[in-house]
Amino acid sequence: MYKLLIVDDEKIVIEGLKSATNWKEHNIEIVGAASDGEEALREITNKQPDIVLADIRMPKMNGLDLIKETKNLNLETVFIIISGYSKFDYAKRAIQLEAIDYLVKPIEVDEIIDSIKNAILKLEKIRSEKQTTERINEYQVELEEKRVLDYILGHRSVDPEKDHRLKTFSFFNIGLKGYAWQDSKETEKLQVLLGHLKNLLENRGIESFIYTIDSQIVIMVSNSSLDIDNDLVQDLLTLIFHNIKIRPNVGISNLFENISEIKKAYSEAKEALKNGIFRNRLVTYYFDLETYNHSFGNSIIEEINQFFKESSPDLLSRISPFIDKVFLDCKKSNLFPEKSKYLCFKIVNHCLEYIESEYEIKNNGGERYLLYEELSLLQSLEEIRVWLEKFIAESTVFLNENHVSYNEKFIIDLKSFINTHYNEPIVLDDLGKLFHKNPAYLCSLFSKAVGITLFEYITNIRLNNAKKLLRTTNLKVFEICKQVGYENQKYFNQVFKKNIGTTPGLYRSQHIIK
């Protein structure tokens, strides 16, 4: 359960929020309430809530200052601000202080629940990032291991001079199908196993760097005779099975002699492991995979890569005709089922990566293992096709019922902001900061999704509201001009005539409601 503290100087508001919904259904426990900022800070210090729902205007300390003081306590607490004030400055300051949301009274129950859900996602992200940081910091004692890890993850540029002694190396990526990576007892077993693997390699005269990355054991071996024969590989697999009782899959990269190619070597081992899992092979060498890839269907592989490279929010709805073409090419090429499985594997992997990047979903390694295992059991081209079409259909239904594209949600939020603040100066750089996006990229996303530019959309909103005021009120043109966000009446007249085809005054005379 996530702990929620409610802060408002009106008792009726606090009671209303407490009874607004069945909080337990949303995994929320209300741990207290406060009627002023200082009392709230004491409650936060004592009870350390996960989420604080706070009014922005309170006695003794306002909501924004409460956020600042809470940050000094180094807690993971996140804030949702509620207010009777819709001023942009308040919302902007709240966003700058990393508040999850800024809700303007009166507030609908659905708004509160949506904000609470966003707060929970933020908390999970904070905790996940904290766990990742703690894991990486464990390698600080061994500075060389930390540096090599940074090279692998791309967090640091490779310095060949500093690492000149790492003359030869290759990677072993080890997957553990069905392993409970999040189980604390299993984590303890895994740490013991990593120590045993290190000792085994040291006893063979092989220097190694061993990590766990993305639910895989990653071993970089270096500065040895690199006599990585089958006996050594089998000893590693036996040791793993003996410690955790799971049959591993191993992907092995080519041998490299330039530390600048460390990311390439790591990627090779990852690719070899993925394909080994797919093909149900215990050990897969990237060298063999290269030969396998080269021997068939290169043009089909390139078409698959290109299709997913040009991804868009409706990609899954457009994929069926593409799959028809891929399987027709397979049939024409007389590809064996195993080779067709490889193409299907490529499509599935691209689909999973697309879903992870386009939607707020993270597939874990265990789910992928199950998919690859199902696929490896299929025996014919038709079975593969039926399985793939079912996978696409189920993914599409699930996403349609449960998720909104991250970019679609961004467009909705941006439109909502413009519709609310069209009568204020809207600066592109400020929008970029508010929505945490590069201004040029923000404009590009909007144009692609809506079909008109961002500034055309703003102009349309302003002019539609101007036309309504011209038809239904006696306000003077210069007053309407300011109410819809234009400071200069002359410029307003120019924009109005260019888009509507007539002047504001003439439009009023033609359309005023008498």
Protein backbone atom coordinates (compact mmCIF):
# COMPACT_ATOMS: atom_id res chain seq x y z
CA MET A 1 0.00 0.00 0.00
CA TYR A 2 1.13 3.54 -0.75
CA LYS A 3 0.75 6.06 2.10
CA LEU A 4 -1.21 9.26 1.35
CA LEU A 5 -1.27 12.47 3.41
CA ILE A 6 -3.97 15.10 2.73
CA VAL A 7 -3.19 18.76 3.46
CA ASP A 8 -5.80 21.54 3.21
CA ASP A 9 -6.89 24.41 5.46
CA GLU A 10 -10.56 23.55 4.93
CA LYS A 11 -11.80 20.57 6.96
CA ILE A 12 -14.65 19.96 4.52
CA VAL A 13 -12.14 19.53 1.70
CA ILE A 14 -10.11 17.01 3.72
CA GLU A 15 -13.21 15.00 4.60
CA GLY A 16 -14.39 15.17 1.00
CA LEU A 17 -11.08 13.83 -0.29
CA LYS A 18 -11.05 11.04 2.29
CA SER A 19 -14.48 9.85 1.20
CA ALA A 20 -14.06 10.58 -2.53
CA THR A 21 -13.30 6.96 -3.39
CA ASN A 22 -12.40 3.59 -1.92
CA TRP A 23 -8.70 4.32 -1.63
CA LYS A 24 -7.77 0.73 -0.81
CA GLU A 25 -8.93 -0.30 -4.28
CA HIS A 26 -6.18 1.95 -5.64
CA ASN A 27 -3.57 0.52 -3.24
CA ILE A 28 -3.67 3.71 -1.13
CA GLU A 29 -3.76 4.09 2.67
CA ILE A 30 -4.59 7.56 4.08
CA VAL A 31 -2.15 7.95 6.99
CA GLY A 32 -3.19 11.40 8.14
CA ALA A 33 -4.24 14.94 7.38
CA ALA A 34 -3.03 18.45 8.18
CA SER A 35 -4.62 21.89 8.02
CA ASP A 36 -1.52 24.07 7.66
CA GLY A 37 1.98 23.82 6.18
CA GLU A 38 3.92 23.46 9.43
CA GLU A 39 1.65 20.69 10.71
CA ALA A 40 1.98 19.00 7.32
CA LEU A 41 5.78 19.10 7.51
CA ARG A 42 5.66 17.46 10.97
CA GLU A 43 3.34 14.77 9.65
CA ILE A 44 5.61 14.18 6.66
CA THR A 45 8.67 13.91 8.94
CA ASN A 46 6.96 11.44 11.28
CA LYS A 47 4.92 9.32 8.87
CA GLN A 48 6.99 9.65 5.68
CA PRO A 49 4.05 9.35 3.27
CA ASP A 50 4.64 8.29 -0.32
CA ILE A 51 2.20 10.87 -1.74
CA VAL A 52 1.06 14.24 -0.41
CA LEU A 53 -2.12 15.86 -1.76
CA ALA A 54 -1.67 19.50 -0.73
CA ASP A 55 -3.44 22.84 -1.19
CA ILE A 56 -1.20 25.57 -2.57
CA ARG A 57 -2.56 28.31 -0.24
CA MET A 58 -2.37 27.42 3.46
CA PRO A 59 -1.56 29.14 6.75
CA LYS A 60 2.04 29.18 8.06
CA MET A 61 3.55 27.59 4.95
CA ASN A 62 2.16 27.30 1.40
CA GLY A 63 2.17 24.15 -0.68
CA LEU A 64 5.17 25.13 -2.81
CA ASP A 65 7.32 25.88 0.25
CA LEU A 66 6.17 22.59 1.75
CA ILE A 67 7.57 20.79 -1.28
CA LYS A 68 10.91 22.61 -0.87
CA GLU A 69 11.15 21.74 2.83
CA THR A 70 10.26 18.10 2.16
CA LYS A 71 13.02 17.84 -0.46
CA ASN A 72 15.50 18.82 2.29
CA LEU A 73 14.43 15.68 4.21
CA ASN A 74 15.71 13.47 1.33
CA LEU A 75 12.47 11.51 1.20
CA GLU A 76 10.96 9.88 -1.88
CA THR A 77 7.66 11.69 -1.24
CA VAL A 78 5.89 13.06 -4.32
CA PHE A 79 3.34 15.88 -4.37
CA ILE A 80 0.03 16.61 -6.08
CA ILE A 81 -0.96 20.27 -5.76
CA ILE A 82 -4.61 21.32 -5.51
CA SER A 83 -5.70 24.91 -5.73
CA GLY A 84 -8.52 27.30 -6.41
CA TYR A 85 -6.11 29.31 -8.55
CA SER A 86 -5.52 28.46 -12.21
CA LYS A 87 -2.70 30.96 -12.75
CA PHE A 88 0.01 29.64 -15.03
CA ASP A 89 2.77 30.91 -12.70
CA TYR A 90 1.54 28.68 -9.89
CA ALA A 91 1.38 25.64 -12.17
CA LYS A 92 4.79 26.44 -13.63
CA ARG A 93 6.40 26.72 -10.18
CA ALA A 94 4.78 23.47 -9.12
CA ILE A 95 6.12 21.70 -12.20
CA GLN A 96 9.59 23.15 -11.57
CA LEU A 97 9.44 21.65 -8.08
CA GLU A 98 8.60 18.30 -9.70
CA ALA A 99 4.99 18.14 -8.49
CA ILE A 100 3.15 15.30 -10.21
CA ASP A 101 0.11 17.39 -11.05
CA TYR A 102 -1.61 20.76 -10.48
CA LEU A 103 -5.36 20.31 -10.02
CA VAL A 104 -7.70 23.31 -10.00
CA LYS A 105 -10.79 23.22 -7.78
CA PRO A 106 -13.48 22.05 -8.19
CA ILE A 107 -11.81 18.71 -8.85
CA GLU A 108 -13.47 15.62 -10.31
CA VAL A 109 -12.83 12.29 -8.58
CA ASP A 110 -11.42 10.84 -11.82
CA GLU A 111 -8.86 13.66 -11.97
CA ILE A 112 -7.64 12.84 -8.46
CA ILE A 113 -7.44 9.11 -9.18
CA ASP A 114 -5.53 9.71 -12.44
CA SER A 115 -3.07 11.95 -10.60
CA ILE A 116 -2.65 9.34 -7.85
CA LYS A 117 -1.90 6.71 -10.50
CA ASN A 118 0.70 9.03 -12.06
CA ALA A 119 2.19 9.58 -8.62
CA ILE A 120 2.50 5.82 -8.09
CA LEU A 121 4.23 5.47 -11.48
CA LYS A 122 6.61 8.27 -10.50
CA LEU A 123 7.36 6.58 -7.17
CA GLU A 124 8.04 3.28 -8.90
CA LYS A 125 10.35 5.04 -11.33
CA ILE A 126 12.21 6.82 -8.49
CA ARG A 127 12.64 3.57 -6.62
CA SER A 128 13.68 1.69 -9.72
CA GLU A 129 16.27 4.36 -10.55
CA LYS A 130 17.46 4.33 -6.96
CA GLN A 131 17.90 0.56 -7.06
CA THR A 132 19.82 0.84 -10.33
CA THR A 133 22.04 3.56 -8.88
CA GLU A 134 22.72 1.50 -5.76
CA ARG A 135 23.59 -1.50 -7.90
CA ILE A 136 26.05 0.50 -10.00
CA ASN A 137 27.58 2.11 -6.91
CA GLU A 138 28.44 -1.34 -5.60
CA TYR A 139 31.20 -1.40 -8.22
CA GLN A 140 32.83 1.80 -6.96
CA VAL A 141 35.32 -0.17 -4.85
CA GLU A 142 36.64 -1.83 -7.97
CA LEU A 143 37.29 1.24 -10.11
CA GLU A 144 38.31 -0.69 -13.16
CA GLU A 145 35.17 -2.80 -13.05
CA LYS A 146 33.07 0.35 -12.72
CA ARG A 147 34.79 1.93 -15.69
CA VAL A 148 34.34 -1.15 -17.84
CA LEU A 149 30.66 -1.29 -16.88
CA ASP A 150 30.30 2.34 -17.98
CA TYR A 151 31.88 1.44 -21.31
CA ILE A 152 29.42 -1.44 -21.78
CA LEU A 153 26.38 0.70 -20.96
CA GLY A 154 27.63 3.64 -23.01
CA HIS A 155 27.83 5.94 -19.98
CA ARG A 156 31.46 6.85 -20.64
CA SER A 157 33.63 7.29 -23.71
CA VAL A 158 36.28 4.61 -24.08
CA ASP A 159 39.83 5.74 -23.34
CA PRO A 160 42.18 3.29 -25.14
CA GLU A 161 45.22 4.81 -23.42
CA LYS A 162 43.79 4.25 -19.94
CA ASP A 163 42.77 0.69 -20.76
CA HIS A 164 45.71 -0.32 -22.92
CA ARG A 165 46.25 -3.46 -20.85
CA LEU A 166 42.84 -4.88 -21.90
CA LYS A 167 44.31 -6.20 -25.12
CA THR A 168 41.95 -9.06 -25.96
CA PHE A 169 38.43 -9.76 -24.80
CA SER A 170 35.10 -11.38 -25.57
CA PHE A 171 31.69 -11.54 -23.90
CA PHE A 172 29.54 -14.33 -22.46
CA ASN A 173 25.90 -13.30 -21.95
CA ILE A 174 23.99 -15.86 -19.88
CA GLY A 175 20.20 -16.03 -19.73
CA LEU A 176 18.29 -17.83 -16.98
CA LYS A 177 14.81 -18.77 -18.16
CA GLY A 178 12.23 -18.43 -15.39
CA TYR A 179 14.66 -17.03 -12.82
CA ALA A 180 13.09 -14.86 -10.07
CA TRP A 181 15.37 -11.84 -10.42
CA GLN A 182 13.32 -9.77 -7.95
CA ASP A 183 13.28 -12.42 -5.20
CA SER A 184 15.63 -11.38 -2.39
CA LYS A 185 16.56 -14.98 -1.54
CA GLU A 186 17.43 -15.65 -5.17
CA THR A 187 19.49 -12.45 -5.25
CA GLU A 188 21.63 -13.77 -2.41
CA LYS A 189 22.13 -17.05 -4.29
CA LEU A 190 23.05 -15.12 -7.42
CA GLN A 191 25.74 -13.11 -5.64
CA VAL A 192 27.28 -16.37 -4.37
CA LEU A 193 27.13 -17.79 -7.91
CA LEU A 194 28.91 -14.73 -9.37
CA GLY A 195 31.71 -15.25 -6.88
CA HIS A 196 32.03 -18.91 -7.90
CA LEU A 197 32.14 -17.96 -11.59
CA LYS A 198 34.88 -15.42 -10.87
CA ASN A 199 36.93 -18.04 -9.02
CA LEU A 200 36.48 -20.64 -11.76
CA LEU A 201 37.82 -18.25 -14.40
CA GLU A 202 40.68 -17.06 -12.19
CA ASN A 203 41.73 -20.67 -11.61
CA ARG A 204 41.94 -21.08 -15.40
CA GLY A 205 44.14 -17.97 -15.67
CA ILE A 206 41.33 -15.93 -17.19
CA GLU A 207 40.72 -12.36 -16.03
CA SER A 208 37.03 -11.43 -15.97
CA PHE A 209 34.54 -8.67 -15.27
CA ILE A 210 31.17 -10.04 -14.16
CA TYR A 211 27.91 -8.09 -13.95
CA THR A 212 24.15 -8.56 -14.00
CA ILE A 213 22.57 -6.34 -16.67
CA ASP A 214 18.96 -6.46 -17.88
CA SER A 215 18.23 -9.84 -16.30
CA GLN A 216 21.37 -11.44 -17.74
CA ILE A 217 24.72 -12.49 -16.32
CA VAL A 218 27.33 -10.67 -18.39
CA ILE A 219 30.93 -11.92 -18.32
CA MET A 220 33.72 -10.10 -20.12
CA VAL A 221 36.84 -12.26 -20.26
CA SER A 222 40.17 -10.63 -21.08
CA ASN A 223 43.95 -10.98 -21.07
CA SER A 224 44.01 -14.73 -21.14
CA SER A 225 45.13 -17.27 -23.65
CA LEU A 226 41.41 -17.12 -24.48
CA ASP A 227 41.32 -20.83 -24.88
CA ILE A 228 37.55 -20.72 -24.54
CA ASP A 229 37.00 -24.33 -25.45
CA ASN A 230 33.92 -26.45 -24.98
CA ASP A 231 35.21 -27.85 -21.69
CA LEU A 232 35.35 -24.38 -20.13
CA VAL A 233 31.88 -23.49 -21.43
CA GLN A 234 30.46 -26.73 -20.07
CA ASP A 235 32.12 -26.12 -16.69
CA LEU A 236 30.49 -22.67 -16.52
CA LEU A 237 27.07 -24.10 -17.39
CA THR A 238 27.45 -26.93 -14.87
CA LEU A 239 28.41 -24.49 -12.12
CA ILE A 240 25.39 -22.28 -12.84
CA PHE A 241 22.98 -25.23 -12.86
CA HIS A 242 24.49 -26.62 -9.65
CA ASN A 243 23.94 -23.31 -7.81
CA ILE A 244 20.48 -22.21 -9.00
CA LYS A 245 19.00 -25.35 -10.63
CA ILE A 246 18.16 -23.58 -13.90
CA ARG A 247 19.36 -24.63 -17.34
CA PRO A 248 21.13 -21.55 -18.78
CA ASN A 249 21.50 -20.31 -22.35
CA VAL A 250 24.77 -18.68 -23.37
CA GLY A 251 25.59 -16.24 -26.16
CA ILE A 252 29.29 -15.75 -26.98
CA SER A 253 30.74 -12.85 -28.98
CA ASN A 254 33.68 -12.86 -31.35
CA LEU A 255 37.18 -12.15 -30.03
CA PHE A 256 38.18 -8.45 -30.07
CA GLU A 257 41.53 -6.74 -29.67
CA ASN A 258 40.48 -3.06 -29.48
CA ILE A 259 38.75 -1.83 -26.31
CA SER A 260 36.94 0.78 -28.41
CA GLU A 261 34.79 -2.08 -29.76
CA ILE A 262 33.54 -3.14 -26.33
CA LYS A 263 29.90 -2.15 -27.02
CA LYS A 264 29.97 -4.06 -30.30
CA ALA A 265 31.26 -7.17 -28.52
CA TYR A 266 28.56 -6.85 -25.85
CA SER A 267 25.86 -6.44 -28.53
CA GLU A 268 27.10 -9.54 -30.34
CA ALA A 269 26.77 -11.64 -27.18
CA LYS A 270 23.26 -10.26 -26.54
CA GLU A 271 22.22 -11.08 -30.10
CA ALA A 272 23.71 -14.56 -29.87
CA LEU A 273 21.85 -15.19 -26.59
CA LYS A 274 18.52 -14.01 -28.02
CA ASN A 275 18.87 -16.34 -30.97
CA GLY A 276 20.05 -19.21 -28.80
CA ILE A 277 16.91 -18.89 -26.69
CA PHE A 278 14.79 -18.75 -29.85
CA ARG A 279 16.45 -21.77 -31.40
CA ASN A 280 16.51 -23.64 -28.08
CA ARG A 281 20.28 -23.97 -28.17
CA LEU A 282 22.39 -24.22 -25.04
CA VAL A 283 25.36 -22.32 -26.50
CA THR A 284 25.31 -19.91 -29.44
CA TYR A 285 28.42 -18.29 -30.94
CA TYR A 286 27.93 -15.02 -32.76
CA PHE A 287 30.30 -16.29 -35.46
CA ASP A 288 27.86 -19.09 -36.27
CA LEU A 289 24.97 -16.63 -36.18
CA GLU A 290 26.70 -14.41 -38.74
CA THR A 291 27.05 -17.39 -41.05
CA TYR A 292 23.44 -18.37 -40.41
CA ASN A 293 22.17 -14.85 -41.16
CA HIS A 294 24.26 -14.60 -44.29
CA SER A 295 22.98 -17.87 -45.66
CA PHE A 296 19.37 -16.84 -46.12
CA GLY A 297 16.78 -14.10 -46.34
CA ASN A 298 18.99 -11.02 -46.01
CA SER A 299 16.60 -8.95 -48.12
CA ILE A 300 13.64 -10.08 -45.98
CA ILE A 301 15.52 -9.20 -42.79
CA GLU A 302 16.25 -5.75 -44.18
CA GLU A 303 12.57 -5.26 -45.04
CA ILE A 304 11.59 -6.21 -41.48
CA ASN A 305 14.13 -3.82 -39.99
CA GLN A 306 12.96 -1.01 -42.29
CA PHE A 307 9.28 -1.57 -41.50
CA PHE A 308 9.84 -1.16 -37.76
CA LYS A 309 12.32 1.66 -38.23
CA GLU A 310 9.49 3.75 -39.68
CA SER A 311 7.31 3.15 -36.62
CA SER A 312 4.17 5.16 -35.92
CA PRO A 313 1.32 4.97 -33.36
CA ASP A 314 -0.76 2.80 -35.73
CA LEU A 315 2.02 0.34 -36.53
CA LEU A 316 0.28 -2.73 -35.07
CA SER A 317 -2.86 -2.01 -37.11
CA ARG A 318 -0.77 -1.89 -40.32
CA ILE A 319 1.30 -4.98 -39.67
CA SER A 320 -1.01 -7.72 -41.06
CA PRO A 321 -0.40 -6.96 -44.77
CA PHE A 322 3.31 -6.78 -44.04
CA ILE A 323 3.26 -10.21 -42.36
CA ASP A 324 1.42 -11.58 -45.41
CA LYS A 325 4.25 -10.35 -47.60
CA VAL A 326 6.99 -11.76 -45.32
CA PHE A 327 5.44 -15.22 -45.30
CA LEU A 328 4.84 -15.13 -49.04
CA ASP A 329 8.56 -14.36 -49.48
CA CYS A 330 9.40 -17.24 -47.13
CA LYS A 331 7.27 -19.60 -49.19
CA LYS A 332 8.75 -18.43 -52.49
CA SER A 333 12.26 -18.84 -51.07
CA ASN A 334 11.51 -22.38 -49.87
CA LEU A 335 12.82 -21.53 -46.41
CA PHE A 336 12.83 -24.32 -43.86
CA PRO A 337 10.70 -23.86 -40.71
CA GLU A 338 13.81 -23.12 -38.59
CA LYS A 339 14.82 -20.31 -40.89
CA SER A 340 11.27 -18.96 -40.98
CA LYS A 341 11.25 -19.03 -37.18
CA TYR A 342 14.22 -16.73 -37.23
CA LEU A 343 12.28 -14.17 -39.31
CA CYS A 344 9.32 -14.55 -36.97
CA PHE A 345 11.68 -14.03 -34.04
CA LYS A 346 12.87 -10.78 -35.63
CA ILE A 347 9.26 -9.55 -35.99
CA VAL A 348 8.35 -10.51 -32.41
CA ASN A 349 11.45 -8.86 -31.00
CA HIS A 350 10.79 -5.67 -32.98
CA CYS A 351 7.15 -5.69 -31.79
CA LEU A 352 8.20 -6.00 -28.15
CA GLU A 353 10.74 -3.20 -28.54
CA TYR A 354 8.10 -1.05 -30.27
CA ILE A 355 5.59 -1.64 -27.46
CA GLU A 356 8.22 -0.80 -24.82
CA SER A 357 9.24 2.45 -26.55
CA GLU A 358 5.82 3.64 -27.77
CA TYR A 359 3.73 2.66 -24.74
CA GLU A 360 4.22 2.97 -21.00
CA ILE A 361 4.91 -0.75 -20.67
CA LYS A 362 8.04 -2.66 -19.77
CA ASN A 363 8.20 -6.32 -20.76
CA ASN A 364 10.37 -8.38 -18.44
CA GLY A 365 12.82 -11.03 -19.52
CA GLY A 366 10.61 -13.86 -18.28
CA GLU A 367 7.78 -12.96 -20.66
CA ARG A 368 10.16 -12.97 -23.61
CA TYR A 369 11.52 -16.37 -22.64
CA LEU A 370 8.00 -17.80 -22.73
CA LEU A 371 7.33 -16.33 -26.17
CA TYR A 372 10.59 -17.63 -27.63
CA GLU A 373 9.97 -21.03 -26.06
CA GLU A 374 6.50 -21.24 -27.66
CA LEU A 375 7.95 -20.25 -31.00
CA SER A 376 10.76 -22.81 -30.84
CA LEU A 377 8.20 -25.66 -30.58
CA LEU A 378 6.40 -24.85 -33.85
CA GLN A 379 6.96 -27.25 -36.72
CA SER A 380 5.69 -25.64 -39.93
CA LEU A 381 5.44 -22.33 -41.76
CA GLU A 382 1.67 -22.27 -41.30
CA GLU A 383 1.95 -22.90 -37.55
CA ILE A 384 4.45 -20.05 -37.30
CA ARG A 385 2.13 -17.72 -39.20
CA VAL A 386 -0.92 -18.58 -37.06
CA TRP A 387 1.11 -18.10 -33.87
CA LEU A 388 2.46 -14.74 -35.02
CA GLU A 389 -0.96 -13.43 -36.08
CA LYS A 390 -2.38 -14.47 -32.70
CA PHE A 391 0.49 -12.68 -30.92
CA ILE A 392 -0.13 -9.46 -32.89
CA ALA A 393 -3.91 -9.64 -32.35
CA GLU A 394 -3.59 -10.21 -28.60
CA SER A 395 -1.04 -7.41 -28.26
CA THR A 396 -3.29 -5.02 -30.19
CA VAL A 397 -6.37 -5.85 -28.09
CA PHE A 398 -4.44 -5.51 -24.85
CA LEU A 399 -3.01 -2.13 -25.81
CA ASN A 400 -6.34 -0.82 -27.05
CA GLU A 401 -8.06 -1.82 -23.81
CA ASN A 402 -5.42 -0.87 -21.31
CA HIS A 403 -2.92 1.68 -22.59
CA VAL A 404 -2.56 4.98 -24.35
CA SER A 405 0.50 5.68 -26.43
CA TYR A 406 2.98 7.86 -24.57
CA ASN A 407 3.07 10.25 -27.54
CA GLU A 408 -0.73 10.25 -27.83
CA LYS A 409 -0.99 11.16 -24.14
CA PHE A 410 1.56 13.91 -24.67
CA ILE A 411 -0.51 15.38 -27.55
CA ILE A 412 -3.67 15.22 -25.42
CA ASP A 413 -1.92 16.99 -22.54
CA LEU A 414 -0.42 19.62 -24.84
CA LYS A 415 -3.80 20.33 -26.47
CA SER A 416 -5.41 20.57 -23.04
CA PHE A 417 -2.78 23.06 -21.92
CA ILE A 418 -3.27 25.22 -25.02
CA ASN A 419 -7.05 25.11 -24.72
CA THR A 420 -6.72 26.33 -21.14
CA HIS A 421 -3.97 28.93 -21.67
CA TYR A 422 -4.63 30.18 -25.21
CA ASN A 423 -5.41 33.65 -23.81
CA GLU A 424 -1.91 33.92 -22.32
CA PRO A 425 1.45 34.38 -24.06
CA ILE A 426 2.57 30.91 -25.19
CA VAL A 427 6.33 30.66 -25.72
CA LEU A 428 7.76 27.56 -27.43
CA ASP A 429 10.78 27.35 -25.11
CA ASP A 430 8.45 27.47 -22.09
CA LEU A 431 6.36 24.62 -23.56
CA GLY A 432 9.54 22.61 -24.05
CA LYS A 433 10.51 23.06 -20.40
CA LEU A 434 6.99 22.35 -19.15
CA PHE A 435 6.69 19.09 -21.11
CA HIS A 436 10.39 18.16 -20.84
CA LYS A 437 10.97 18.02 -24.59
CA ASN A 438 13.20 19.74 -27.09
CA PRO A 439 11.06 22.56 -28.62
CA ALA A 440 11.78 21.50 -32.21
CA TYR A 441 10.98 17.85 -31.42
CA LEU A 442 7.80 18.96 -29.63
CA CYS A 443 6.64 20.84 -32.76
CA SER A 444 7.48 17.88 -34.98
CA LEU A 445 5.52 15.41 -32.81
CA PHE A 446 2.51 17.74 -32.73
CA SER A 447 2.46 18.35 -36.50
CA LYS A 448 2.79 14.64 -37.24
CA ALA A 449 -0.06 13.70 -34.87
CA VAL A 450 -2.51 16.58 -35.52
CA GLY A 451 -1.85 17.40 -39.18
CA ILE A 452 -1.23 21.11 -38.64
CA THR A 453 1.58 23.00 -36.96
CA LEU A 454 1.48 23.86 -33.28
CA PHE A 455 1.17 27.57 -34.01
CA GLU A 456 -1.63 26.96 -36.53
CA TYR A 457 -3.46 25.06 -33.80
CA ILE A 458 -2.96 27.91 -31.28
CA THR A 459 -4.15 30.43 -33.88
CA ASN A 460 -7.26 28.35 -34.63
CA ILE A 461 -8.14 28.11 -30.93
CA ARG A 462 -7.70 31.85 -30.44
CA LEU A 463 -9.65 32.82 -33.55
CA ASN A 464 -12.51 30.42 -32.78
CA ASN A 465 -12.87 32.02 -29.36
CA ALA A 466 -12.58 35.50 -30.92
CA LYS A 467 -15.40 34.69 -33.37
CA LYS A 468 -17.57 33.47 -30.51
CA LEU A 469 -16.99 36.69 -28.55
CA LEU A 470 -17.68 38.79 -31.65
CA ARG A 471 -20.99 36.99 -32.20
CA THR A 472 -22.25 36.88 -28.62
CA THR A 473 -20.88 39.91 -26.75
CA ASN A 474 -20.67 43.68 -27.04
CA LEU A 475 -16.97 43.73 -26.13
CA LYS A 476 -14.88 46.06 -28.25
CA VAL A 477 -12.45 44.50 -30.70
CA PHE A 478 -9.38 45.58 -28.72
CA GLU A 479 -10.89 43.92 -25.60
CA ILE A 480 -11.56 40.68 -27.47
CA CYS A 481 -8.06 40.86 -28.93
CA LYS A 482 -6.55 40.79 -25.42
CA GLN A 483 -8.97 38.16 -24.13
CA VAL A 484 -7.86 35.64 -26.77
CA GLY A 485 -4.13 36.18 -26.27
CA TYR A 486 -3.11 39.00 -28.63
CA GLU A 487 -1.45 42.10 -27.21
CA ASN A 488 -1.37 44.03 -30.51
CA GLN A 489 -4.75 44.78 -32.10
CA LYS A 490 -3.23 45.55 -35.49
CA TYR A 491 -1.55 42.15 -35.58
CA PHE A 492 -4.80 40.52 -34.39
CA ASN A 493 -6.70 42.16 -37.25
CA GLN A 494 -4.10 40.90 -39.75
CA VAL A 495 -4.25 37.33 -38.43
CA PHE A 496 -8.04 37.37 -38.32
CA LYS A 497 -8.42 38.61 -41.89
CA LYS A 498 -5.78 36.21 -43.23
CA ASN A 499 -7.49 33.17 -41.68
CA ILE A 500 -11.19 34.16 -41.71
CA GLY A 501 -11.18 36.23 -44.89
CA THR A 502 -12.64 39.37 -43.37
CA THR A 503 -11.98 41.90 -40.61
CA PRO A 504 -13.27 41.38 -37.04
CA GLY A 505 -15.65 44.32 -37.39
CA LEU A 506 -17.17 43.08 -40.63
CA TYR A 507 -17.42 39.53 -39.25
CA ARG A 508 -19.38 40.86 -36.26
CA SER A 509 -21.79 42.79 -38.45
CA GLN A 510 -22.43 39.67 -40.53
CA HIS A 511 -22.78 37.15 -37.69
CA ILE A 512 -23.90 38.97 -34.54
CA ILE A 513 -26.80 37.34 -32.77
CA LYS A 514 -29.60 39.92 -32.55
